[in-house]
C-alpha atoms as a PDB file:
ATOM      1  CA  ALA A   1       0.000   0.000   0.000  1.00  0.00           C
ATOM      2  CA  SER A   2       1.178   3.520  -0.758  1.00  0.00           C
ATOM      3  CA  ILE A   3       1.693   6.146   1.948  1.00  0.00           C
ATOM      4  CA  GLY A   4      -1.375   7.972   0.619  1.00  0.00           C
ATOM      5  CA  GLU A   5      -3.528   4.882   1.115  1.00  0.00           C
ATOM      6  CA  LEU A   6      -2.215   4.383   4.648  1.00  0.00           C
ATOM      7  CA  LEU A   7      -2.856   7.954   5.757  1.00  0.00           C
ATOM      8  CA  LEU A   8      -6.548   8.230   4.888  1.00  0.00           C
ATOM      9  CA  LEU A   9      -8.762   9.655   7.605  1.00  0.00           C
ATOM     10  CA  ARG A  10     -12.547   9.459   7.677  1.00  0.00           C
ATOM     11  CA  VAL A  11     -14.239  12.470   9.249  1.00  0.00           C
ATOM     12  CA  ALA A  12     -17.948  12.862  10.022  1.00  0.00           C
ATOM     13  CA  LEU A  13     -20.139  15.255  11.973  1.00  0.00           C
ATOM     14  CA  ALA A  14     -22.035  12.398  13.660  1.00  0.00           C
ATOM     15  CA  PRO A  15     -21.515   8.708  14.485  1.00  0.00           C
ATOM     16  CA  LEU A  16     -21.281   6.577  11.338  1.00  0.00           C
ATOM     17  CA  SER A  17     -24.071   4.280  12.496  1.00  0.00           C
ATOM     18  CA  THR A  18     -26.556   7.139  12.056  1.00  0.00           C
ATOM     19  CA  ARG A  19     -28.013   8.669   8.906  1.00  0.00           C
ATOM     20  CA  GLU A  20     -26.355  11.978   9.802  1.00  0.00           C
ATOM     21  CA  GLY A  21     -22.973  10.281  10.062  1.00  0.00           C
ATOM     22  CA  VAL A  22     -23.329   8.605   6.696  1.00  0.00           C
ATOM     23  CA  GLU A  23     -24.450  11.817   4.979  1.00  0.00           C
ATOM     24  CA  SER A  24     -21.712  13.968   6.506  1.00  0.00           C
ATOM     25  CA  THR A  25     -18.727  11.626   6.048  1.00  0.00           C
ATOM     26  CA  LYS A  26     -15.698  12.802   4.070  1.00  0.00           C
ATOM     27  CA  VAL A  27     -12.287  11.204   3.568  1.00  0.00           C
ATOM     28  CA  VAL A  28      -9.066  13.204   3.582  1.00  0.00           C
ATOM     29  CA  CYS A  29      -5.505  12.085   2.874  1.00  0.00           C
ATOM     30  CA  LEU A  30      -3.008  13.250   5.479  1.00  0.00           C
ATOM     31  CA  ALA A  31      -0.113  12.603   3.090  1.00  0.00           C
ATOM     32  CA  ARG A  32      -0.816  15.760   1.074  1.00  0.00           C
ATOM     33  CA  VAL A  33      -0.387  19.075   2.882  1.00  0.00           C
ATOM     34  CA  GLY A  34      -3.048  21.545   1.833  1.00  0.00           C
ATOM     35  CA  ASP A  35      -5.838  19.016   1.167  1.00  0.00           C
ATOM     36  CA  LEU A  36      -9.287  20.267   2.172  1.00  0.00           C
ATOM     37  CA  ILE A  37     -12.569  18.799   3.302  1.00  0.00           C
ATOM     38  CA  ARG A  38     -15.823  20.687   3.669  1.00  0.00           C
ATOM     39  CA  LEU A  39     -18.507  19.365   6.012  1.00  0.00           C
ATOM     40  CA  SER A  40     -22.081  20.670   6.043  1.00  0.00           C
ATOM     41  CA  PRO A  41     -23.665  20.984   9.490  1.00  0.00           C
ATOM     42  CA  SER A  42     -27.017  21.688   7.804  1.00  0.00           C
ATOM     43  CA  ARG A  43     -27.173  17.958   6.996  1.00  0.00           C
ATOM     44  CA  LEU A  44     -27.641  17.150  10.673  1.00  0.00           C
ATOM     45  CA  THR A  45     -31.371  16.507  10.989  1.00  0.00           C
ATOM     46  CA  SER A  46     -31.316  16.148  14.788  1.00  0.00           C
ATOM     47  CA  ILE A  47     -30.842  19.925  15.187  1.00  0.00           C
ATOM     48  CA  GLY A  48     -34.268  20.614  13.703  1.00  0.00           C
ATOM     49  CA  SER A  49     -35.367  22.066  10.403  1.00  0.00           C
ATOM     50  CA  PHE A  50     -35.224  25.711  11.538  1.00  0.00           C
ATOM     51  CA  ILE A  51     -31.609  25.570  12.755  1.00  0.00           C
ATOM     52  CA  SER A  52     -30.665  23.322   9.842  1.00  0.00           C
ATOM     53  CA  SER A  53     -31.914  25.898   7.346  1.00  0.00           C
ATOM     54  CA  GLU A  54     -30.062  28.667   9.201  1.00  0.00           C
ATOM     55  CA  LEU A  55     -26.824  26.662   8.943  1.00  0.00           C
ATOM     56  CA  LEU A  56     -27.009  26.337   5.159  1.00  0.00           C
ATOM     57  CA  GLY A  57     -24.496  29.182   4.943  1.00  0.00           C
ATOM     58  CA  VAL A  58     -22.008  27.529   7.339  1.00  0.00           C
ATOM     59  CA  ARG A  59     -19.379  24.914   6.515  1.00  0.00           C
ATOM     60  CA  VAL A  60     -16.803  23.175   8.667  1.00  0.00           C
ATOM     61  CA  LEU A  61     -13.518  23.398   6.791  1.00  0.00           C
ATOM     62  CA  GLY A  62     -10.693  20.954   7.513  1.00  0.00           C
ATOM     63  CA  VAL A  63      -7.187  21.646   6.189  1.00  0.00           C
ATOM     64  CA  VAL A  64      -4.222  19.276   6.299  1.00  0.00           C
ATOM     65  CA  GLY A  65      -1.125  21.074   7.556  1.00  0.00           C
ATOM     66  CA  THR A  66       2.121  20.366   9.335  1.00  0.00           C
ATOM     67  CA  ASP A  67       3.271  20.957  12.862  1.00  0.00           C
ATOM     68  CA  GLY A  68       6.949  20.193  12.561  1.00  0.00           C
ATOM     69  CA  PRO A  69       7.402  16.516  11.639  1.00  0.00           C
ATOM     70  CA  THR A  70       3.732  15.599  12.117  1.00  0.00           C
ATOM     71  CA  ARG A  71       0.594  16.187  10.057  1.00  0.00           C
ATOM     72  CA  THR A  72      -2.295  18.134  11.501  1.00  0.00           C
ATOM     73  CA  LEU A  73      -5.918  18.506  10.513  1.00  0.00           C
ATOM     74  CA  ARG A  74      -7.248  21.875  11.609  1.00  0.00           C
ATOM     75  CA  PHE A  75     -10.942  22.649  11.525  1.00  0.00           C
ATOM     76  CA  CYS A  76     -12.629  26.018  11.383  1.00  0.00           C
ATOM     77  CA  LEU A  77     -16.018  27.419  10.486  1.00  0.00           C
ATOM     78  CA  MET A  78     -16.493  29.360   7.270  1.00  0.00           C
ATOM     79  CA  LYS A  79     -19.384  31.068   5.556  1.00  0.00           C
ATOM     80  CA  LYS A  80     -20.721  29.904   2.219  1.00  0.00           C
ATOM     81  CA  ASP A  81     -23.221  31.442  -0.159  1.00  0.00           C
ATOM     82  CA  VAL A  82     -26.629  29.801  -0.022  1.00  0.00           C
ATOM     83  CA  THR A  83     -27.958  28.772  -3.431  1.00  0.00           C
ATOM     84  CA  PRO A  84     -31.471  27.693  -4.430  1.00  0.00           C
ATOM     85  CA  THR A  85     -30.093  24.180  -4.983  1.00  0.00           C
ATOM     86  CA  SER A  86     -28.937  23.909  -1.367  1.00  0.00           C
ATOM     87  CA  LEU A  87     -32.343  25.136  -0.133  1.00  0.00           C
ATOM     88  CA  ILE A  88     -34.104  22.470  -2.196  1.00  0.00           C
ATOM     89  CA  GLY A  89     -31.654  19.753  -1.076  1.00  0.00           C
ATOM     90  CA  ASN A  90     -32.226  20.674   2.552  1.00  0.00           C
ATOM     91  CA  ALA A  91     -36.008  20.464   2.115  1.00  0.00           C
ATOM     92  CA  VAL A  92     -35.738  17.053   0.407  1.00  0.00           C
ATOM     93  CA  ARG A  93     -33.565  15.708   3.242  1.00  0.00           C
ATOM     94  CA  GLU A  94     -36.239  16.732   5.740  1.00  0.00           C
ATOM     95  CA  ILE A  95     -38.994  14.759   3.986  1.00  0.00           C
ATOM     96  CA  GLY A  96     -36.922  11.840   2.687  1.00  0.00           C
ATOM     97  CA  PRO A  97     -37.551   8.436   4.253  1.00  0.00           C
ATOM     98  CA  ILE A  98     -34.857   6.947   6.454  1.00  0.00           C
ATOM     99  CA  PRO A  99     -33.505   3.676   4.992  1.00  0.00           C
ATOM    100  CA  SER A 100     -34.172   0.691   7.244  1.00  0.00           C
ATOM    101  CA  PHE A 101     -30.482  -0.071   7.777  1.00  0.00           C
ATOM    102  CA  MET A 102     -30.034   3.404   9.306  1.00  0.00           C
ATOM    103  CA  SER A 103     -33.170   3.501  11.418  1.00  0.00           C
ATOM    104  CA  VAL A 104     -31.977   1.205  14.206  1.00  0.00           C
ATOM    105  CA  GLY A 105     -30.326   2.619  17.333  1.00  0.00           C
ATOM    106  CA  ASP A 106     -27.075   4.481  16.968  1.00  0.00           C
ATOM    107  CA  GLY A 107     -25.072   2.055  19.128  1.00  0.00           C
ATOM    108  CA  TYR A 108     -23.435   4.812  21.141  1.00  0.00           C
ATOM    109  CA  GLY A 109     -24.682   4.341  24.668  1.00  0.00           C
ATOM    110  CA  GLY A 110     -28.088   4.895  26.170  1.00  0.00           C
ATOM    111  CA  SER A 111     -30.520   7.744  25.880  1.00  0.00           C
ATOM    112  CA  ASP A 112     -28.508   9.874  28.351  1.00  0.00           C
ATOM    113  CA  VAL A 113     -25.486   9.837  26.043  1.00  0.00           C
ATOM    114  CA  LYS A 114     -27.660  10.622  23.035  1.00  0.00           C
ATOM    115  CA  ASP A 115     -29.475  13.439  24.892  1.00  0.00           C
ATOM    116  CA  THR A 116     -26.175  14.980  25.995  1.00  0.00           C
ATOM    117  CA  ARG A 117     -24.773  14.754  22.462  1.00  0.00           C
ATOM    118  CA  THR A 118     -27.923  16.368  21.031  1.00  0.00           C
ATOM    119  CA  LYS A 119     -27.831  19.201  23.591  1.00  0.00           C
ATOM    120  CA  LEU A 120     -24.174  19.927  22.825  1.00  0.00           C
ATOM    121  CA  LEU A 121     -24.931  19.842  19.115  1.00  0.00           C
ATOM    122  CA  LEU A 122     -27.781  22.334  19.531  1.00  0.00           C
ATOM    123  CA  VAL A 123     -25.577  24.719  21.523  1.00  0.00           C
ATOM    124  CA  ALA A 124     -22.808  24.517  18.903  1.00  0.00           C
ATOM    125  CA  ALA A 125     -25.330  25.024  16.078  1.00  0.00           C
ATOM    126  CA  ALA A 126     -26.777  28.093  17.786  1.00  0.00           C
ATOM    127  CA  GLU A 127     -23.272  29.551  18.246  1.00  0.00           C
ATOM    128  CA  ALA A 128     -22.403  28.896  14.589  1.00  0.00           C
ATOM    129  CA  SER A 129     -25.644  30.535  13.477  1.00  0.00           C
ATOM    130  CA  GLN A 130     -24.906  33.557  15.649  1.00  0.00           C
ATOM    131  CA  LEU A 131     -21.389  33.877  14.198  1.00  0.00           C
ATOM    132  CA  LEU A 132     -22.827  33.698  10.683  1.00  0.00           C
ATOM    133  CA  ASN A 133     -25.522  36.293  11.366  1.00  0.00           C
ATOM    134  CA  THR A 134     -23.053  38.730  12.944  1.00  0.00           C
ATOM    135  CA  GLY A 135     -20.618  38.402  10.023  1.00  0.00           C
ATOM    136  CA  LYS A 136     -17.799  36.930  12.117  1.00  0.00           C
ATOM    137  CA  LEU A 137     -17.217  33.867   9.909  1.00  0.00           C
ATOM    138  CA  PRO A 138     -14.474  34.158   7.277  1.00  0.00           C
ATOM    139  CA  ASN A 139     -15.009  33.269   3.627  1.00  0.00           C
ATOM    140  CA  GLU A 140     -13.435  30.071   2.290  1.00  0.00           C
ATOM    141  CA  HIS A 141     -10.198  31.705   1.150  1.00  0.00           C
ATOM    142  CA  ASP A 142      -9.565  33.391   4.507  1.00  0.00           C
ATOM    143  CA  ALA A 143     -10.660  30.311   6.483  1.00  0.00           C
ATOM    144  CA  THR A 144      -8.260  28.128   4.470  1.00  0.00           C
ATOM    145  CA  ARG A 145      -5.368  30.498   5.187  1.00  0.00           C
ATOM    146  CA  GLN A 146      -6.248  30.673   8.896  1.00  0.00           C
ATOM    147  CA  ALA A 147      -6.480  26.887   9.200  1.00  0.00           C
ATOM    148  CA  PHE A 148      -3.296  26.250   7.203  1.00  0.00           C
ATOM    149  CA  PHE A 149      -1.165  28.774   9.092  1.00  0.00           C
ATOM    150  CA  GLY A 150      -2.887  28.395  12.477  1.00  0.00           C
ATOM    151  CA  THR A 151      -3.911  32.053  12.680  1.00  0.00           C
ATOM    152  CA  GLY A 152      -7.221  33.816  13.360  1.00  0.00           C
ATOM    153  CA  GLN A 153      -9.855  31.479  14.732  1.00  0.00           C
ATOM    154  CA  CYS A 154      -7.398  28.566  14.370  1.00  0.00           C
ATOM    155  CA  SER A 155      -4.673  30.084  16.527  1.00  0.00           C
ATOM    156  CA  ARG A 156      -3.700  28.287  19.688  1.00  0.00           C
ATOM    157  CA  PRO A 157      -4.346  30.011  22.993  1.00  0.00           C
ATOM    158  CA  GLN A 158      -1.156  31.034  24.746  1.00  0.00           C
ATOM    159  CA  SER A 159      -0.416  28.825  27.756  1.00  0.00           C
ATOM    160  CA  LYS A 160       0.224  30.589  31.048  1.00  0.00           C
END
């Protein structure tokens, strides 16, 4: 196997045993510095249709970088233009039937774990929506630069 095949990483916004996990999964190769992945939080149906439609203009951008001898994958939020196609796709996802192989339990603990995960997801979605509405999210070009160089919203807090 090549180094590129060995350094593949699967990233999702939800557990893979759920519909949300399957729909939000992307694969990135850590062998190539500068590779990007874009994840759409609006595909998460558990946050509700109202918040989901508000997050159509938000993407989670992942950029492969380096931190000395190691590879890093930095994530940041970015804004994206909302097109009529994305509005229609979001509406179809809301009414589409769930395939039977995805409708069983998510396999990640009991209802307490699922409730906690959903609450955290709702808080994060509300914060992302607020950042988008106040104009604090960078466009894709600026977000890519910030993630690659570790500046802006991707900068590390200084340790005391």
